[in-house]
Amino acid sequence: MGETIVALAVLTSMRPELVESQMFAKQCDTLAIICKSISLKWSTTATILGLRDIPPTAAELEATMADYAILSVENALRAMRFFYAKQSILRR
């Protein structure tokens, strides 16, 4: 899982600890948005979600897949900009 965290951090320009926190978060929505923001295919995203300590249930994975399908890369990038801004404010 460590290599995946580092790879996502590099591809998204996020700090590794922020990506790691999403790998351990209860919800998987933010991690899916991270993946969509770098245009990963759903199959790759589902594999990444499955690496989490508590992988999503079949129902959660299906719901996330539905959301992932309608989420545009542009909207995922917009969400990431908001996430970056929020982290920047919290670090002050």
N, C-alpha and C. Protein backbone atom coordinates (compact mmCIF):
# COMPACT_ATOMS: atom_id res chain seq x y z
N MET A 1 0.82 -1.19 0.00
CA MET A 1 0.00 0.00 0.00
C MET A 1 0.87 1.26 0.00
N GLY A 2 2.05 1.20 0.59
CA GLY A 2 2.93 2.36 0.66
C GLY A 2 3.29 2.91 -0.71
N GLU A 3 3.57 2.01 -1.65
CA GLU A 3 3.92 2.45 -3.00
C GLU A 3 2.74 3.16 -3.67
N THR A 4 1.55 2.68 -3.41
CA THR A 4 0.34 3.29 -3.98
C THR A 4 0.15 4.69 -3.41
N ILE A 5 0.36 4.84 -2.12
CA ILE A 5 0.23 6.15 -1.48
C ILE A 5 1.22 7.13 -2.09
N VAL A 6 2.46 6.71 -2.22
CA VAL A 6 3.49 7.58 -2.79
C VAL A 6 3.16 7.92 -4.25
N ALA A 7 2.74 6.93 -5.01
CA ALA A 7 2.40 7.18 -6.42
C ALA A 7 1.26 8.19 -6.55
N LEU A 8 0.20 8.01 -5.75
CA LEU A 8 -0.92 8.96 -5.80
C LEU A 8 -0.47 10.35 -5.35
N ALA A 9 0.37 10.40 -4.34
CA ALA A 9 0.87 11.70 -3.86
C ALA A 9 1.67 12.41 -4.95
N VAL A 10 2.52 11.68 -5.64
CA VAL A 10 3.32 12.29 -6.71
C VAL A 10 2.42 12.74 -7.86
N LEU A 11 1.48 11.89 -8.26
CA LEU A 11 0.62 12.22 -9.40
C LEU A 11 -0.34 13.38 -9.12
N THR A 12 -0.69 13.56 -7.84
CA THR A 12 -1.63 14.62 -7.49
C THR A 12 -0.97 15.83 -6.84
N SER A 13 0.32 15.76 -6.60
CA SER A 13 1.06 16.82 -5.90
C SER A 13 0.54 17.02 -4.48
N MET A 14 0.03 15.96 -3.88
CA MET A 14 -0.44 16.01 -2.50
C MET A 14 0.67 15.49 -1.58
N ARG A 15 0.61 15.91 -0.35
CA ARG A 15 1.54 15.36 0.63
C ARG A 15 1.16 13.89 0.88
N PRO A 16 2.13 13.01 0.98
CA PRO A 16 1.82 11.59 1.18
C PRO A 16 0.93 11.32 2.40
N GLU A 17 1.12 12.10 3.47
CA GLU A 17 0.30 11.86 4.66
C GLU A 17 -1.18 12.18 4.41
N LEU A 18 -1.46 13.08 3.48
CA LEU A 18 -2.86 13.38 3.15
C LEU A 18 -3.49 12.22 2.38
N VAL A 19 -2.73 11.68 1.44
CA VAL A 19 -3.22 10.52 0.70
C VAL A 19 -3.38 9.34 1.65
N GLU A 20 -2.40 9.16 2.51
CA GLU A 20 -2.46 8.05 3.47
C GLU A 20 -3.69 8.17 4.36
N SER A 21 -4.02 9.38 4.77
CA SER A 21 -5.19 9.55 5.64
C SER A 21 -6.46 9.10 4.92
N GLN A 22 -6.51 9.27 3.61
CA GLN A 22 -7.68 8.84 2.85
C GLN A 22 -7.69 7.32 2.65
N MET A 23 -6.52 6.72 2.67
CA MET A 23 -6.46 5.25 2.57
C MET A 23 -6.99 4.61 3.84
N PHE A 24 -6.94 5.34 4.97
CA PHE A 24 -7.41 4.81 6.23
C PHE A 24 -8.75 5.40 6.67
N ALA A 25 -9.30 6.30 5.86
CA ALA A 25 -10.59 6.93 6.21
C ALA A 25 -11.72 5.91 6.10
N LYS A 26 -12.76 6.16 6.86
CA LYS A 26 -13.92 5.26 6.83
C LYS A 26 -14.61 5.30 5.46
N GLN A 27 -14.80 6.50 4.95
CA GLN A 27 -15.44 6.67 3.64
C GLN A 27 -14.38 6.61 2.54
N CYS A 28 -14.78 6.19 1.37
CA CYS A 28 -13.82 6.09 0.27
C CYS A 28 -14.07 7.15 -0.81
N ASP A 29 -15.00 8.06 -0.57
CA ASP A 29 -15.35 9.06 -1.59
C ASP A 29 -14.18 9.96 -1.96
N THR A 30 -13.46 10.46 -0.97
CA THR A 30 -12.36 11.38 -1.26
C THR A 30 -11.25 10.67 -2.02
N LEU A 31 -10.98 9.43 -1.68
CA LEU A 31 -9.96 8.68 -2.41
C LEU A 31 -10.39 8.47 -3.86
N ALA A 32 -11.67 8.23 -4.08
CA ALA A 32 -12.17 8.08 -5.45
C ALA A 32 -12.03 9.40 -6.21
N ILE A 33 -12.27 10.52 -5.55
CA ILE A 33 -12.10 11.83 -6.20
C ILE A 33 -10.64 12.06 -6.55
N ILE A 34 -9.74 11.67 -5.65
CA ILE A 34 -8.31 11.79 -5.94
C ILE A 34 -7.97 11.00 -7.20
N CYS A 35 -8.47 9.79 -7.29
CA CYS A 35 -8.20 8.95 -8.46
C CYS A 35 -8.80 9.55 -9.73
N LYS A 36 -10.00 10.07 -9.64
CA LYS A 36 -10.66 10.65 -10.81
C LYS A 36 -9.91 11.90 -11.27
N SER A 37 -9.36 12.66 -10.33
CA SER A 37 -8.67 13.90 -10.69
C SER A 37 -7.43 13.65 -11.56
N ILE A 38 -6.92 12.43 -11.52
CA ILE A 38 -5.78 12.10 -12.38
C ILE A 38 -6.20 11.11 -13.47
N SER A 39 -7.50 11.06 -13.71
CA SER A 39 -8.09 10.31 -14.83
C SER A 39 -7.83 8.81 -14.79
N LEU A 40 -7.78 8.24 -13.59
CA LEU A 40 -7.61 6.80 -13.52
C LEU A 40 -8.89 6.11 -13.96
N LYS A 41 -8.75 4.96 -14.60
CA LYS A 41 -9.90 4.16 -14.99
C LYS A 41 -10.54 3.59 -13.73
N TRP A 42 -11.82 3.25 -13.84
CA TRP A 42 -12.53 2.71 -12.69
C TRP A 42 -11.86 1.43 -12.19
N SER A 43 -11.41 0.57 -13.08
CA SER A 43 -10.79 -0.69 -12.64
C SER A 43 -9.57 -0.42 -11.76
N THR A 44 -8.79 0.58 -12.11
CA THR A 44 -7.62 0.94 -11.30
C THR A 44 -8.05 1.51 -9.97
N THR A 45 -9.05 2.38 -10.01
CA THR A 45 -9.57 2.98 -8.77
C THR A 45 -10.14 1.91 -7.84
N ALA A 46 -10.89 0.97 -8.40
CA ALA A 46 -11.46 -0.11 -7.57
C ALA A 46 -10.36 -0.94 -6.93
N THR A 47 -9.28 -1.17 -7.66
CA THR A 47 -8.15 -1.91 -7.10
C THR A 47 -7.53 -1.13 -5.94
N ILE A 48 -7.36 0.18 -6.12
CA ILE A 48 -6.80 1.02 -5.06
C ILE A 48 -7.72 1.02 -3.83
N LEU A 49 -9.01 1.12 -4.06
CA LEU A 49 -9.95 1.10 -2.94
C LEU A 49 -9.88 -0.24 -2.21
N GLY A 50 -9.62 -1.30 -2.94
CA GLY A 50 -9.51 -2.62 -2.34
C GLY A 50 -8.27 -2.81 -1.49
N LEU A 51 -7.28 -1.94 -1.65
CA LEU A 51 -6.04 -2.02 -0.88
C LEU A 51 -6.19 -1.47 0.53
N ARG A 52 -7.27 -0.73 0.76
CA ARG A 52 -7.45 -0.10 2.06
C ARG A 52 -7.57 -1.14 3.16
N ASP A 53 -7.22 -0.76 4.40
CA ASP A 53 -7.32 -1.68 5.53
C ASP A 53 -8.73 -2.25 5.67
N ILE A 54 -9.70 -1.39 5.47
CA ILE A 54 -11.10 -1.82 5.48
C ILE A 54 -11.66 -1.53 4.08
N PRO A 55 -11.55 -2.52 3.18
CA PRO A 55 -12.03 -2.28 1.82
C PRO A 55 -13.54 -2.06 1.80
N PRO A 56 -14.03 -1.35 0.79
CA PRO A 56 -15.47 -1.11 0.73
C PRO A 56 -16.23 -2.41 0.52
N THR A 57 -17.45 -2.43 1.05
CA THR A 57 -18.33 -3.58 0.81
C THR A 57 -18.76 -3.55 -0.66
N ALA A 58 -19.37 -4.61 -1.10
CA ALA A 58 -19.84 -4.66 -2.48
C ALA A 58 -20.83 -3.52 -2.76
N ALA A 59 -21.70 -3.25 -1.79
CA ALA A 59 -22.68 -2.17 -1.96
C ALA A 59 -21.99 -0.81 -2.01
N GLU A 60 -21.01 -0.60 -1.14
CA GLU A 60 -20.27 0.67 -1.14
C GLU A 60 -19.49 0.85 -2.44
N LEU A 61 -18.90 -0.23 -2.91
CA LEU A 61 -18.14 -0.17 -4.16
C LEU A 61 -19.05 0.14 -5.33
N GLU A 62 -20.23 -0.45 -5.34
CA GLU A 62 -21.19 -0.19 -6.41
C GLU A 62 -21.65 1.26 -6.39
N ALA A 63 -21.94 1.79 -5.21
CA ALA A 63 -22.36 3.19 -5.09
C ALA A 63 -21.23 4.13 -5.51
N THR A 64 -20.01 3.81 -5.09
CA THR A 64 -18.87 4.63 -5.47
C THR A 64 -18.64 4.58 -6.97
N MET A 65 -18.83 3.41 -7.58
CA MET A 65 -18.68 3.28 -9.02
C MET A 65 -19.69 4.15 -9.76
N ALA A 66 -20.92 4.18 -9.27
CA ALA A 66 -21.95 5.01 -9.89
C ALA A 66 -21.58 6.49 -9.80
N ASP A 67 -21.11 6.91 -8.64
CA ASP A 67 -20.68 8.30 -8.47
C ASP A 67 -19.47 8.60 -9.35
N TYR A 68 -18.55 7.66 -9.43
CA TYR A 68 -17.32 7.83 -10.21
C TYR A 68 -17.65 8.00 -11.70
N ALA A 69 -18.64 7.26 -12.15
CA ALA A 69 -19.02 7.31 -13.57
C ALA A 69 -19.57 8.68 -13.97
N ILE A 70 -20.28 9.33 -13.06
CA ILE A 70 -20.87 10.62 -13.41
C ILE A 70 -19.98 11.81 -13.04
N LEU A 71 -18.96 11.56 -12.22
CA LEU A 71 -18.04 12.62 -11.83
C LEU A 71 -17.10 12.93 -12.99
N SER A 72 -17.04 14.18 -13.39
CA SER A 72 -16.11 14.55 -14.45
C SER A 72 -14.74 14.82 -13.86
N VAL A 73 -13.73 14.70 -14.68
CA VAL A 73 -12.37 15.01 -14.25
C VAL A 73 -12.30 16.47 -13.81
N GLU A 74 -13.00 17.35 -14.54
CA GLU A 74 -12.99 18.77 -14.19
C GLU A 74 -13.55 19.01 -12.80
N ASN A 75 -14.65 18.35 -12.47
CA ASN A 75 -15.23 18.52 -11.14
C ASN A 75 -14.35 17.89 -10.06
N ALA A 76 -13.69 16.79 -10.39
CA ALA A 76 -12.76 16.19 -9.43
C ALA A 76 -11.59 17.14 -9.17
N LEU A 77 -11.09 17.77 -10.23
CA LEU A 77 -10.01 18.74 -10.07
C LEU A 77 -10.46 19.93 -9.23
N ARG A 78 -11.70 20.36 -9.44
CA ARG A 78 -12.26 21.46 -8.65
C ARG A 78 -12.31 21.07 -7.17
N ALA A 79 -12.74 19.86 -6.91
CA ALA A 79 -12.78 19.37 -5.52
C ALA A 79 -11.38 19.30 -4.92
N MET A 80 -10.42 18.90 -5.74
CA MET A 80 -9.03 18.83 -5.26
C MET A 80 -8.49 20.22 -4.94
N ARG A 81 -8.83 21.21 -5.76
CA ARG A 81 -8.39 22.58 -5.47
C ARG A 81 -8.96 23.04 -4.13
N PHE A 82 -10.22 22.70 -3.88
CA PHE A 82 -10.85 23.03 -2.60
C PHE A 82 -10.10 22.32 -1.47
N PHE A 83 -9.77 21.06 -1.66
CA PHE A 83 -9.06 20.28 -0.66
C PHE A 83 -7.69 20.89 -0.37
N TYR A 84 -6.97 21.29 -1.44
CA TYR A 84 -5.66 21.94 -1.27
C TYR A 84 -5.80 23.24 -0.47
N ALA A 85 -6.81 24.03 -0.83
CA ALA A 85 -7.02 25.32 -0.15
C ALA A 85 -7.34 25.09 1.33
N LYS A 86 -8.18 24.12 1.60
CA LYS A 86 -8.55 23.82 2.98
C LYS A 86 -7.31 23.40 3.77
N GLN A 87 -6.47 22.55 3.20
CA GLN A 87 -5.26 22.11 3.89
C GLN A 87 -4.30 23.27 4.12
N SER A 88 -4.23 24.18 3.16
CA SER A 88 -3.36 25.33 3.28
C SER A 88 -3.81 26.23 4.44
N ILE A 89 -5.11 26.41 4.56
CA ILE A 89 -5.64 27.24 5.64
C ILE A 89 -5.40 26.57 6.98
N LEU A 90 -5.58 25.26 7.05
CA LEU A 90 -5.40 24.54 8.31
C LEU A 90 -3.96 24.54 8.78
N ARG A 91 -3.01 24.64 7.84
CA ARG A 91 -1.59 24.64 8.22
C ARG A 91 -1.13 25.97 8.78
N ARG A 92 -1.89 27.01 8.62
CA ARG A 92 -1.49 28.34 9.09
C ARG A 92 -1.62 28.48 10.57
